[in-house]
Amino acid sequence: MWIYGSRRFSDDVELMLGRRVPMFFNMLLGYVTPLLLTIALFLVLWQFKPPTYGDYQYPWVCRIAGWILASLPVIPVPVIAAVTVYKAKGSFIERLKASCTPDSSWKPSLNKYKELYRKQNGDMTGDC
């Protein structure tokens, strides 16, 4: 919601479902959910204790292997973000802004929705 934008998200939902996203849903996605997820992350990290099995303490190598396995699904996100910023043209700030802005070629693939999308987003280039 912070990068893509609640208005653009609501426009896309309206294009698909024929109705806009309710305001409380935008508030949930934009503020409540990130706040609750941040609180949950800090609470989990604060209460973390090394894993045990009864009285057995797992060695540090096993703990490191566990952290690596747990972080594997998350690793592609920052890697692809860094590659996208690196490949963009301009100064660092310009590349960062360009990487967080939707590409103009992002449009519906079906012709019957392209005209509606063009009207919603003010795209008057004529060619989707």
C-alpha atoms as a PDB file:
ATOM      1  CA  MET A   1       0.000   0.000   0.000  1.00  0.00           C
ATOM      2  CA  TRP A   2       2.869   2.388   0.731  1.00  0.00           C
ATOM      3  CA  ILE A   3       4.654   1.854  -2.575  1.00  0.00           C
ATOM      4  CA  TYR A   4       1.896   0.820  -4.988  1.00  0.00           C
ATOM      5  CA  GLY A   5      -0.647   3.222  -3.507  1.00  0.00           C
ATOM      6  CA  SER A   6      -4.111   2.721  -2.062  1.00  0.00           C
ATOM      7  CA  ARG A   7      -5.813   4.611  -4.899  1.00  0.00           C
ATOM      8  CA  ARG A   8      -4.132   2.491  -7.556  1.00  0.00           C
ATOM      9  CA  PHE A   9      -4.916  -0.696  -5.588  1.00  0.00           C
ATOM     10  CA  SER A  10      -8.553   0.336  -5.236  1.00  0.00           C
ATOM     11  CA  ASP A  11      -8.714   1.136  -8.977  1.00  0.00           C
ATOM     12  CA  ASP A  12      -7.388  -2.329  -9.800  1.00  0.00           C
ATOM     13  CA  VAL A  13      -9.884  -4.018  -7.496  1.00  0.00           C
ATOM     14  CA  GLU A  14     -12.696  -1.978  -9.071  1.00  0.00           C
ATOM     15  CA  LEU A  15     -11.506  -3.068 -12.503  1.00  0.00           C
ATOM     16  CA  MET A  16     -11.645  -6.714 -11.431  1.00  0.00           C
ATOM     17  CA  LEU A  17     -14.705  -6.763  -9.163  1.00  0.00           C
ATOM     18  CA  GLY A  18     -16.705  -3.704 -10.210  1.00  0.00           C
ATOM     19  CA  ARG A  19     -16.498  -2.025  -6.777  1.00  0.00           C
ATOM     20  CA  ARG A  20     -13.864  -0.112  -4.891  1.00  0.00           C
ATOM     21  CA  VAL A  21     -12.093  -1.281  -1.763  1.00  0.00           C
ATOM     22  CA  PRO A  22     -13.767   0.031   1.436  1.00  0.00           C
ATOM     23  CA  MET A  23     -11.837   2.746   3.282  1.00  0.00           C
ATOM     24  CA  PHE A  24     -11.403   0.632   6.420  1.00  0.00           C
ATOM     25  CA  PHE A  25      -9.683  -2.049   4.304  1.00  0.00           C
ATOM     26  CA  ASN A  26      -7.234   0.557   2.993  1.00  0.00           C
ATOM     27  CA  MET A  27      -6.540   1.616   6.591  1.00  0.00           C
ATOM     28  CA  LEU A  28      -5.990  -1.994   7.622  1.00  0.00           C
ATOM     29  CA  LEU A  29      -3.572  -2.685   4.768  1.00  0.00           C
ATOM     30  CA  GLY A  30      -1.756   0.625   5.078  1.00  0.00           C
ATOM     31  CA  TYR A  31      -1.375   1.067   8.832  1.00  0.00           C
ATOM     32  CA  VAL A  32      -2.828  -1.619  11.096  1.00  0.00           C
ATOM     33  CA  THR A  33      -1.307  -4.684   9.404  1.00  0.00           C
ATOM     34  CA  PRO A  34       2.264  -3.277   9.152  1.00  0.00           C
ATOM     35  CA  LEU A  35       2.061  -2.115  12.786  1.00  0.00           C
ATOM     36  CA  LEU A  36       0.843  -5.501  14.055  1.00  0.00           C
ATOM     37  CA  LEU A  37       3.424  -7.406  11.998  1.00  0.00           C
ATOM     38  CA  THR A  38       6.221  -5.182  13.313  1.00  0.00           C
ATOM     39  CA  ILE A  39       5.069  -5.690  16.903  1.00  0.00           C
ATOM     40  CA  ALA A  40       4.829  -9.456  16.355  1.00  0.00           C
ATOM     41  CA  LEU A  41       8.349  -9.565  14.876  1.00  0.00           C
ATOM     42  CA  PHE A  42       9.853  -7.672  17.805  1.00  0.00           C
ATOM     43  CA  LEU A  43       8.009  -9.816  20.352  1.00  0.00           C
ATOM     44  CA  VAL A  44       9.228 -13.035  18.722  1.00  0.00           C
ATOM     45  CA  LEU A  45      12.816 -11.777  18.595  1.00  0.00           C
ATOM     46  CA  TRP A  46      12.632 -10.488  22.180  1.00  0.00           C
ATOM     47  CA  GLN A  47      11.311 -13.796  23.556  1.00  0.00           C
ATOM     48  CA  PHE A  48      13.640 -15.988  21.484  1.00  0.00           C
ATOM     49  CA  LYS A  49      15.436 -18.782  23.321  1.00  0.00           C
ATOM     50  CA  PRO A  50      17.800 -21.305  21.713  1.00  0.00           C
ATOM     51  CA  PRO A  51      15.982 -24.538  20.829  1.00  0.00           C
ATOM     52  CA  THR A  52      16.212 -27.498  23.184  1.00  0.00           C
ATOM     53  CA  TYR A  53      14.903 -31.042  23.333  1.00  0.00           C
ATOM     54  CA  GLY A  54      14.337 -31.816  26.993  1.00  0.00           C
ATOM     55  CA  ASP A  55      17.721 -31.130  28.614  1.00  0.00           C
ATOM     56  CA  TYR A  56      19.614 -31.375  25.323  1.00  0.00           C
ATOM     57  CA  GLN A  57      20.975 -28.090  23.958  1.00  0.00           C
ATOM     58  CA  TYR A  58      21.398 -28.078  20.194  1.00  0.00           C
ATOM     59  CA  PRO A  59      24.893 -27.038  19.032  1.00  0.00           C
ATOM     60  CA  TRP A  60      25.429 -23.600  17.513  1.00  0.00           C
ATOM     61  CA  VAL A  61      25.887 -25.119  14.018  1.00  0.00           C
ATOM     62  CA  CYS A  62      22.331 -26.484  14.139  1.00  0.00           C
ATOM     63  CA  ARG A  63      20.990 -23.099  15.241  1.00  0.00           C
ATOM     64  CA  ILE A  64      22.768 -21.368  12.358  1.00  0.00           C
ATOM     65  CA  ALA A  65      21.422 -23.972   9.921  1.00  0.00           C
ATOM     66  CA  GLY A  66      17.924 -23.341  11.284  1.00  0.00           C
ATOM     67  CA  TRP A  67      18.240 -19.569  10.821  1.00  0.00           C
ATOM     68  CA  ILE A  68      19.501 -20.090   7.265  1.00  0.00           C
ATOM     69  CA  LEU A  69      16.579 -22.380   6.429  1.00  0.00           C
ATOM     70  CA  ALA A  70      14.114 -19.955   8.015  1.00  0.00           C
ATOM     71  CA  SER A  71      15.463 -16.993   6.023  1.00  0.00           C
ATOM     72  CA  LEU A  72      15.640 -18.718   2.616  1.00  0.00           C
ATOM     73  CA  PRO A  73      12.109 -17.680   1.566  1.00  0.00           C
ATOM     74  CA  VAL A  74      12.838 -14.036   2.443  1.00  0.00           C
ATOM     75  CA  ILE A  75      16.244 -13.701   0.743  1.00  0.00           C
ATOM     76  CA  PRO A  76      14.923 -13.228  -2.849  1.00  0.00           C
ATOM     77  CA  VAL A  77      12.994 -10.065  -1.896  1.00  0.00           C
ATOM     78  CA  PRO A  78      15.973  -7.830  -0.988  1.00  0.00           C
ATOM     79  CA  VAL A  79      18.171  -9.437  -3.664  1.00  0.00           C
ATOM     80  CA  ILE A  80      15.698  -8.702  -6.479  1.00  0.00           C
ATOM     81  CA  ALA A  81      15.045  -5.223  -5.067  1.00  0.00           C
ATOM     82  CA  ALA A  82      18.796  -4.479  -5.081  1.00  0.00           C
ATOM     83  CA  VAL A  83      19.186  -5.811  -8.647  1.00  0.00           C
ATOM     84  CA  THR A  84      16.221  -3.718  -9.834  1.00  0.00           C
ATOM     85  CA  VAL A  85      17.649  -0.530  -8.284  1.00  0.00           C
ATOM     86  CA  TYR A  86      21.107  -1.340  -9.673  1.00  0.00           C
ATOM     87  CA  LYS A  87      19.810  -1.825 -13.249  1.00  0.00           C
ATOM     88  CA  ALA A  88      17.808   1.432 -13.303  1.00  0.00           C
ATOM     89  CA  LYS A  89      19.343   4.567 -14.821  1.00  0.00           C
ATOM     90  CA  GLY A  90      20.170   7.849 -13.066  1.00  0.00           C
ATOM     91  CA  SER A  91      21.342   8.847  -9.614  1.00  0.00           C
ATOM     92  CA  PHE A  92      20.634   6.564  -6.664  1.00  0.00           C
ATOM     93  CA  ILE A  93      17.515   8.511  -5.646  1.00  0.00           C
ATOM     94  CA  GLU A  94      16.215   8.506  -9.244  1.00  0.00           C
ATOM     95  CA  ARG A  95      16.853   4.749  -9.534  1.00  0.00           C
ATOM     96  CA  LEU A  96      15.093   4.131  -6.220  1.00  0.00           C
ATOM     97  CA  LYS A  97      12.050   6.183  -7.305  1.00  0.00           C
ATOM     98  CA  ALA A  98      11.956   4.477 -10.709  1.00  0.00           C
ATOM     99  CA  SER A  99      12.139   1.058  -9.064  1.00  0.00           C
ATOM    100  CA  CYS A 100       9.167   1.861  -6.818  1.00  0.00           C
ATOM    101  CA  THR A 101       6.998   3.226  -9.656  1.00  0.00           C
ATOM    102  CA  PRO A 102       4.818   0.904 -11.754  1.00  0.00           C
ATOM    103  CA  ASP A 103       5.956   0.516 -15.337  1.00  0.00           C
ATOM    104  CA  SER A 104       3.707   2.105 -17.970  1.00  0.00           C
ATOM    105  CA  SER A 105       3.453  -1.253 -19.762  1.00  0.00           C
ATOM    106  CA  TRP A 106       1.581  -2.815 -16.806  1.00  0.00           C
ATOM    107  CA  LYS A 107      -1.918  -3.114 -18.177  1.00  0.00           C
ATOM    108  CA  PRO A 108      -4.613  -5.779 -18.441  1.00  0.00           C
ATOM    109  CA  SER A 109      -3.904  -8.438 -21.049  1.00  0.00           C
ATOM    110  CA  LEU A 110      -7.525  -8.726 -22.217  1.00  0.00           C
ATOM    111  CA  ASN A 111      -8.574  -6.079 -24.740  1.00  0.00           C
ATOM    112  CA  LYS A 112     -12.016  -5.581 -23.157  1.00  0.00           C
ATOM    113  CA  TYR A 113     -10.356  -4.323 -19.945  1.00  0.00           C
ATOM    114  CA  LYS A 114      -7.659  -2.176 -21.557  1.00  0.00           C
ATOM    115  CA  GLU A 115     -10.047   0.683 -22.393  1.00  0.00           C
ATOM    116  CA  LEU A 116     -11.436   0.756 -18.842  1.00  0.00           C
ATOM    117  CA  TYR A 117      -7.904   0.713 -17.444  1.00  0.00           C
ATOM    118  CA  ARG A 118      -6.888   3.542 -19.774  1.00  0.00           C
ATOM    119  CA  LYS A 119      -9.832   5.671 -18.570  1.00  0.00           C
ATOM    120  CA  GLN A 120      -9.100   5.016 -14.893  1.00  0.00           C
ATOM    121  CA  ASN A 121      -5.418   5.847 -15.147  1.00  0.00           C
ATOM    122  CA  GLY A 122      -5.552   8.733 -17.598  1.00  0.00           C
ATOM    123  CA  ASP A 123      -3.471   6.888 -20.189  1.00  0.00           C
ATOM    124  CA  MET A 124      -4.213   8.660 -23.456  1.00  0.00           C
ATOM    125  CA  THR A 125      -1.372   7.178 -25.498  1.00  0.00           C
ATOM    126  CA  GLY A 126      -3.873   5.100 -27.426  1.00  0.00           C
ATOM    127  CA  ASP A 127      -1.754   1.958 -27.427  1.00  0.00           C
ATOM    128  CA  CYS A 128      -1.844  -0.458 -24.532  1.00  0.00           C
END
